[in-house]
Amino acid sequence: MPNLQTGVSLIEAVLFMVVVSVALVVLVKAFNQAAVASADPVLRRQSLAIAQSLLEEINVKDYTNPSPGGYAGPYNATTRSRFDDVMDYNGLTLNGISDLSGTALAGLSGYRAGIAVVAAAFGSVPSSAGWRITVTVTDPAGQQLALEGYRANY
């Protein structure tokens, strides 16, 4: 019966360790990049939710001032509960997101929002009967998200 040697040589062991360590470095870099970028979608999604809620809040208001001598300003975040038409929101800036009554919402103090309302034609609606509402939200990382909506005088 011949004497067979089993096992691995030193060269084979070293080569195995080199291959495994290179593969491990590649995997760690990939996971690190994924972990760094994983917060970005959360910030974008939160910005989108803020923009959608503000756009919805604006769109439920009257197209024009509903009553003569209605609220005439000043238009700022502390008087937002008194806004009664779409144009009242034009130029509004929120530093830290708050609800309609002005109460700051927990966890959203690093976000900013700006609103612009301009006359705009769309479809068969002339610019004299339509508003384009742009809500721009800036997240804590400084990335901006703009959401536009339209409101017609119907």
C-alpha atoms as a PDB file:
ATOM      1  CA  MET A   1       0.000   0.000   0.000  1.00  0.00           C
ATOM      2  CA  PRO A   2       1.530   3.279  -1.036  1.00  0.00           C
ATOM      3  CA  ASN A   3       2.056   6.052   1.482  1.00  0.00           C
ATOM      4  CA  LEU A   4      -0.250   8.949   0.356  1.00  0.00           C
ATOM      5  CA  GLN A   5       0.290  12.383   1.767  1.00  0.00           C
ATOM      6  CA  THR A   6      -2.784  14.479   2.507  1.00  0.00           C
ATOM      7  CA  GLY A   7      -3.214  18.124   3.473  1.00  0.00           C
ATOM      8  CA  VAL A   8      -2.326  21.445   1.925  1.00  0.00           C
ATOM      9  CA  SER A   9       1.010  22.990   1.337  1.00  0.00           C
ATOM     10  CA  LEU A  10       2.043  26.317   2.766  1.00  0.00           C
ATOM     11  CA  ILE A  11       1.749  27.975  -0.662  1.00  0.00           C
ATOM     12  CA  GLU A  12      -1.809  26.714  -1.099  1.00  0.00           C
ATOM     13  CA  ALA A  13      -2.778  27.986   2.339  1.00  0.00           C
ATOM     14  CA  VAL A  14      -1.303  31.440   1.678  1.00  0.00           C
ATOM     15  CA  LEU A  15      -3.024  31.685  -1.725  1.00  0.00           C
ATOM     16  CA  PHE A  16      -6.341  30.695  -0.140  1.00  0.00           C
ATOM     17  CA  MET A  17      -5.982  33.404   2.522  1.00  0.00           C
ATOM     18  CA  VAL A  18      -5.161  36.043  -0.125  1.00  0.00           C
ATOM     19  CA  VAL A  19      -8.203  35.130  -2.243  1.00  0.00           C
ATOM     20  CA  VAL A  20     -10.530  35.110   0.768  1.00  0.00           C
ATOM     21  CA  SER A  21      -9.201  38.437   2.083  1.00  0.00           C
ATOM     22  CA  VAL A  22      -9.630  40.128  -1.323  1.00  0.00           C
ATOM     23  CA  ALA A  23     -13.205  38.833  -1.534  1.00  0.00           C
ATOM     24  CA  LEU A  24     -13.864  40.021   2.015  1.00  0.00           C
ATOM     25  CA  VAL A  25     -12.553  43.518   1.228  1.00  0.00           C
ATOM     26  CA  VAL A  26     -14.850  43.742  -1.814  1.00  0.00           C
ATOM     27  CA  LEU A  27     -17.862  42.644   0.244  1.00  0.00           C
ATOM     28  CA  VAL A  28     -17.122  45.062   3.084  1.00  0.00           C
ATOM     29  CA  LYS A  29     -16.805  47.970   0.628  1.00  0.00           C
ATOM     30  CA  ALA A  30     -20.111  47.037  -1.001  1.00  0.00           C
ATOM     31  CA  PHE A  31     -21.896  46.815   2.346  1.00  0.00           C
ATOM     32  CA  ASN A  32     -20.348  50.085   3.505  1.00  0.00           C
ATOM     33  CA  GLN A  33     -21.513  51.899   0.382  1.00  0.00           C
ATOM     34  CA  ALA A  34     -25.009  50.441   0.794  1.00  0.00           C
ATOM     35  CA  ALA A  35     -25.121  51.485   4.444  1.00  0.00           C
ATOM     36  CA  VAL A  36     -24.036  55.048   3.671  1.00  0.00           C
ATOM     37  CA  ALA A  37     -26.624  55.399   0.903  1.00  0.00           C
ATOM     38  CA  SER A  38     -29.438  53.743   2.849  1.00  0.00           C
ATOM     39  CA  ALA A  39     -30.370  56.947   4.697  1.00  0.00           C
ATOM     40  CA  ASP A  40     -30.847  58.854   1.436  1.00  0.00           C
ATOM     41  CA  PRO A  41     -34.092  57.087   0.411  1.00  0.00           C
ATOM     42  CA  VAL A  42     -35.501  57.689   3.879  1.00  0.00           C
ATOM     43  CA  LEU A  43     -34.821  61.426   3.599  1.00  0.00           C
ATOM     44  CA  ARG A  44     -36.283  61.552   0.066  1.00  0.00           C
ATOM     45  CA  ARG A  45     -39.385  59.654   1.120  1.00  0.00           C
ATOM     46  CA  GLN A  46     -39.902  61.946   4.113  1.00  0.00           C
ATOM     47  CA  SER A  47     -39.446  65.009   1.877  1.00  0.00           C
ATOM     48  CA  LEU A  48     -42.013  63.614  -0.551  1.00  0.00           C
ATOM     49  CA  ALA A  49     -44.494  62.979   2.270  1.00  0.00           C
ATOM     50  CA  ILE A  50     -44.043  66.551   3.536  1.00  0.00           C
ATOM     51  CA  ALA A  51     -44.494  68.011   0.040  1.00  0.00           C
ATOM     52  CA  GLN A  52     -47.588  65.883  -0.601  1.00  0.00           C
ATOM     53  CA  SER A  53     -49.216  66.892   2.674  1.00  0.00           C
ATOM     54  CA  LEU A  54     -48.567  70.597   2.068  1.00  0.00           C
ATOM     55  CA  LEU A  55     -49.850  70.364  -1.511  1.00  0.00           C
ATOM     56  CA  GLU A  56     -52.987  68.604  -0.287  1.00  0.00           C
ATOM     57  CA  GLU A  57     -53.479  71.243   2.416  1.00  0.00           C
ATOM     58  CA  ILE A  58     -53.267  73.993  -0.209  1.00  0.00           C
ATOM     59  CA  ASN A  59     -55.524  72.275  -2.747  1.00  0.00           C
ATOM     60  CA  VAL A  60     -58.454  72.010  -0.334  1.00  0.00           C
ATOM     61  CA  LYS A  61     -58.504  75.797   0.107  1.00  0.00           C
ATOM     62  CA  ASP A  62     -60.710  78.072  -2.002  1.00  0.00           C
ATOM     63  CA  TYR A  63     -59.338  79.225  -5.338  1.00  0.00           C
ATOM     64  CA  THR A  64     -59.786  82.900  -4.447  1.00  0.00           C
ATOM     65  CA  ASN A  65     -60.518  84.749  -1.236  1.00  0.00           C
ATOM     66  CA  PRO A  66     -63.931  83.370  -0.170  1.00  0.00           C
ATOM     67  CA  SER A  67     -65.120  86.470   1.633  1.00  0.00           C
ATOM     68  CA  PRO A  68     -64.574  90.163   1.024  1.00  0.00           C
ATOM     69  CA  GLY A  69     -62.159  91.516   3.568  1.00  0.00           C
ATOM     70  CA  GLY A  70     -60.835  88.013   4.314  1.00  0.00           C
ATOM     71  CA  TYR A  71     -57.444  87.408   5.852  1.00  0.00           C
ATOM     72  CA  ALA A  72     -55.039  89.978   4.441  1.00  0.00           C
ATOM     73  CA  GLY A  73     -51.763  88.919   5.981  1.00  0.00           C
ATOM     74  CA  PRO A  74     -49.076  88.935   7.072  1.00  0.00           C
ATOM     75  CA  TYR A  75     -48.589  85.483   5.591  1.00  0.00           C
ATOM     76  CA  ASN A  76     -46.219  83.400   7.682  1.00  0.00           C
ATOM     77  CA  ALA A  77     -46.079  80.039   9.384  1.00  0.00           C
ATOM     78  CA  THR A  78     -47.642  81.303  12.627  1.00  0.00           C
ATOM     79  CA  THR A  79     -50.788  82.528  10.846  1.00  0.00           C
ATOM     80  CA  ARG A  80     -51.175  79.511   8.554  1.00  0.00           C
ATOM     81  CA  SER A  81     -54.343  78.333  10.302  1.00  0.00           C
ATOM     82  CA  ARG A  82     -56.043  81.521   9.066  1.00  0.00           C
ATOM     83  CA  PHE A  83     -55.196  80.973   5.396  1.00  0.00           C
ATOM     84  CA  ASP A  84     -58.461  80.683   3.457  1.00  0.00           C
ATOM     85  CA  ASP A  85     -57.387  80.566  -0.193  1.00  0.00           C
ATOM     86  CA  VAL A  86     -54.617  79.145  -2.371  1.00  0.00           C
ATOM     87  CA  MET A  87     -52.815  82.438  -2.925  1.00  0.00           C
ATOM     88  CA  ASP A  88     -52.320  82.948   0.830  1.00  0.00           C
ATOM     89  CA  TYR A  89     -49.629  80.247   0.646  1.00  0.00           C
ATOM     90  CA  ASN A  90     -47.560  82.038  -2.009  1.00  0.00           C
ATOM     91  CA  GLY A  91     -44.104  82.780  -0.603  1.00  0.00           C
ATOM     92  CA  LEU A  92     -44.655  80.818   2.605  1.00  0.00           C
ATOM     93  CA  THR A  93     -41.438  79.406   4.084  1.00  0.00           C
ATOM     94  CA  LEU A  94     -41.369  76.815   6.848  1.00  0.00           C
ATOM     95  CA  ASN A  95     -38.117  76.346   8.758  1.00  0.00           C
ATOM     96  CA  GLY A  96     -38.898  73.114  10.521  1.00  0.00           C
ATOM     97  CA  ILE A  97     -42.166  71.477   9.563  1.00  0.00           C
ATOM     98  CA  SER A  98     -45.233  72.257  11.640  1.00  0.00           C
ATOM     99  CA  ASP A  99     -48.895  71.360  11.487  1.00  0.00           C
ATOM    100  CA  LEU A 100     -51.637  73.790  10.512  1.00  0.00           C
ATOM    101  CA  SER A 101     -51.835  75.222  14.026  1.00  0.00           C
ATOM    102  CA  GLY A 102     -48.090  75.955  14.069  1.00  0.00           C
ATOM    103  CA  THR A 103     -47.092  73.096  16.370  1.00  0.00           C
ATOM    104  CA  ALA A 104     -43.673  71.724  15.391  1.00  0.00           C
ATOM    105  CA  LEU A 105     -43.744  68.089  14.302  1.00  0.00           C
ATOM    106  CA  ALA A 106     -41.275  65.842  16.114  1.00  0.00           C
ATOM    107  CA  GLY A 107     -38.326  64.717  14.016  1.00  0.00           C
ATOM    108  CA  LEU A 108     -38.922  67.216  11.215  1.00  0.00           C
ATOM    109  CA  SER A 109     -37.047  70.224  12.588  1.00  0.00           C
ATOM    110  CA  GLY A 110     -34.227  69.747  10.045  1.00  0.00           C
ATOM    111  CA  TYR A 111     -36.539  70.050   7.044  1.00  0.00           C
ATOM    112  CA  ARG A 112     -37.460  73.302   5.296  1.00  0.00           C
ATOM    113  CA  ALA A 113     -40.291  73.956   2.861  1.00  0.00           C
ATOM    114  CA  GLY A 114     -41.047  76.792   0.483  1.00  0.00           C
ATOM    115  CA  ILE A 115     -44.224  77.357  -1.510  1.00  0.00           C
ATOM    116  CA  ALA A 116     -44.727  79.291  -4.744  1.00  0.00           C
ATOM    117  CA  VAL A 117     -48.099  79.879  -6.399  1.00  0.00           C
ATOM    118  CA  VAL A 118     -48.206  81.340  -9.920  1.00  0.00           C
ATOM    119  CA  ALA A 119     -50.883  81.698 -12.584  1.00  0.00           C
ATOM    120  CA  ALA A 120     -50.589  78.920 -15.149  1.00  0.00           C
ATOM    121  CA  ALA A 121     -52.489  77.591 -18.129  1.00  0.00           C
ATOM    122  CA  PHE A 122     -52.924  73.842 -18.394  1.00  0.00           C
ATOM    123  CA  GLY A 123     -55.057  71.836 -20.772  1.00  0.00           C
ATOM    124  CA  SER A 124     -58.101  73.916 -21.693  1.00  0.00           C
ATOM    125  CA  VAL A 125     -57.773  76.055 -18.551  1.00  0.00           C
ATOM    126  CA  PRO A 126     -56.424  79.556 -19.272  1.00  0.00           C
ATOM    127  CA  SER A 127     -53.826  81.115 -16.988  1.00  0.00           C
ATOM    128  CA  SER A 128     -56.494  83.462 -15.613  1.00  0.00           C
ATOM    129  CA  ALA A 129     -58.267  80.446 -14.103  1.00  0.00           C
ATOM    130  CA  GLY A 130     -55.396  78.218 -13.007  1.00  0.00           C
ATOM    131  CA  TRP A 131     -52.643  78.140 -10.406  1.00  0.00           C
ATOM    132  CA  ARG A 132     -49.431  76.133 -10.504  1.00  0.00           C
ATOM    133  CA  ILE A 133     -48.407  75.329  -6.943  1.00  0.00           C
ATOM    134  CA  THR A 134     -44.781  74.351  -6.326  1.00  0.00           C
ATOM    135  CA  VAL A 135     -43.768  72.952  -2.945  1.00  0.00           C
ATOM    136  CA  THR A 136     -39.996  72.657  -2.482  1.00  0.00           C
ATOM    137  CA  VAL A 137     -38.730  70.672   0.511  1.00  0.00           C
ATOM    138  CA  THR A 138     -35.089  70.682   1.617  1.00  0.00           C
ATOM    139  CA  ASP A 139     -34.006  67.750   3.787  1.00  0.00           C
ATOM    140  CA  PRO A 140     -31.357  67.879   6.558  1.00  0.00           C
ATOM    141  CA  ALA A 141     -28.685  66.750   4.050  1.00  0.00           C
ATOM    142  CA  GLY A 142     -29.464  69.769   1.843  1.00  0.00           C
ATOM    143  CA  GLN A 143     -31.128  67.836  -0.989  1.00  0.00           C
ATOM    144  CA  GLN A 144     -34.181  69.493  -2.507  1.00  0.00           C
ATOM    145  CA  LEU A 145     -37.361  67.867  -3.730  1.00  0.00           C
ATOM    146  CA  ALA A 146     -39.936  69.901  -5.676  1.00  0.00           C
ATOM    147  CA  LEU A 147     -43.518  68.762  -6.151  1.00  0.00           C
ATOM    148  CA  GLU A 148     -45.914  70.638  -8.427  1.00  0.00           C
ATOM    149  CA  GLY A 149     -49.668  70.600  -8.538  1.00  0.00           C
ATOM    150  CA  TYR A 150     -52.329  72.547 -10.371  1.00  0.00           C
ATOM    151  CA  ARG A 151     -55.535  74.106  -9.140  1.00  0.00           C
ATOM    152  CA  ALA A 152     -58.297  75.387 -11.392  1.00  0.00           C
ATOM    153  CA  ASN A 153     -61.089  77.810 -10.594  1.00  0.00           C
ATOM    154  CA  TYR A 154     -63.985  75.376 -10.807  1.00  0.00           C
END
